[in-house]
């Protein structure tokens, strides 16, 4: 079984779940809203003076690890 196919399949099944995604330079945490064409789209909640949500797009090729929070 091809690992990249299995990972993509697992990401499709994880839509709506909270993920931590690490790259070389950053750690992102948010709800997986979509996965298409090798791009992970997370909805992050930014906590500051006012709480706001932002969309983050991460290329699968730049991911070091993904942690799914159940």
Protein backbone atom coordinates (compact mmCIF):
# COMPACT_ATOMS: atom_id res chain seq x y z
CA UNK A 1 0.00 0.00 0.00
CA UNK A 2 1.30 3.44 -0.94
CA UNK A 3 1.98 5.62 2.14
CA UNK A 4 1.03 8.92 0.51
CA UNK A 5 -2.30 7.47 -0.64
CA UNK A 6 -2.97 6.18 2.90
CA UNK A 7 -2.10 9.57 4.44
CA UNK A 8 -4.34 11.44 2.00
CA UNK A 9 -7.17 9.00 2.72
CA UNK A 10 -6.73 9.48 6.48
CA UNK A 11 -6.74 13.28 6.09
CA UNK A 12 -10.01 13.09 4.14
CA UNK A 13 -11.53 11.08 6.99
CA UNK A 14 -10.24 13.59 9.57
CA UNK A 15 -12.12 16.60 8.20
CA UNK A 16 -13.80 18.38 11.09
CA UNK A 17 -11.25 17.15 13.64
CA UNK A 18 -8.62 19.22 15.45
CA UNK A 19 -5.07 18.70 14.17
CA UNK A 20 -1.60 19.85 15.09
CA UNK A 21 0.56 20.23 12.02
CA UNK A 22 4.29 20.91 12.28
CA UNK A 23 6.53 22.27 9.55
CA UNK A 24 10.20 23.23 9.74
CA UNK A 25 9.31 26.73 10.96
CA UNK A 26 5.91 26.60 12.66
CA UNK A 27 3.34 24.61 14.59
CA UNK A 28 -0.29 25.05 13.58
CA UNK A 29 -3.35 23.90 15.51
CA UNK A 30 -6.86 24.07 14.17
CA UNK A 31 -9.83 22.28 12.70
CA UNK A 32 -9.20 20.55 9.38
CA UNK A 33 -11.72 22.05 6.98
CA UNK A 34 -10.49 20.54 3.72
CA UNK A 35 -7.73 18.63 2.00
CA UNK A 36 -7.37 19.01 -1.77
CA UNK A 37 -4.51 18.80 -4.25
CA UNK A 38 -1.88 18.32 -1.55
CA UNK A 39 -3.03 21.34 0.50
CA UNK A 40 -4.22 21.10 4.09
CA UNK A 41 -6.66 23.85 5.08
CA UNK A 42 -6.97 24.52 8.82
CA UNK A 43 -9.28 26.95 10.59
CA UNK A 44 -7.17 28.39 13.43
CA UNK A 45 -8.50 30.37 16.37
CA UNK A 46 -6.21 33.30 17.12
CA UNK A 47 -6.39 34.41 20.73
CA UNK A 48 -5.55 38.02 21.41
CA UNK A 49 -7.41 41.19 22.23
CA UNK A 50 -10.30 39.82 20.20
CA UNK A 51 -10.67 36.17 19.29
CA UNK A 52 -10.70 35.64 15.55
CA UNK A 53 -10.52 32.73 13.14
CA UNK A 54 -8.20 32.51 10.17
CA UNK A 55 -7.64 29.98 7.45
CA UNK A 56 -4.18 28.50 7.06
CA UNK A 57 -3.07 26.57 3.98
CA UNK A 58 -0.18 24.13 4.40
CA UNK A 59 1.41 22.14 1.59
CA UNK A 60 1.56 18.46 2.45
CA UNK A 61 5.13 18.38 1.12
CA UNK A 62 6.26 20.78 3.89
CA UNK A 63 4.69 18.83 6.78
CA UNK A 64 6.97 17.12 9.31
CA UNK A 65 4.24 15.57 11.43
CA UNK A 66 0.49 15.61 12.00
CA UNK A 67 -1.18 14.87 15.31
CA UNK A 68 -4.92 14.23 15.42
CA UNK A 69 -6.69 15.19 18.63
CA UNK A 70 -9.70 12.99 19.39
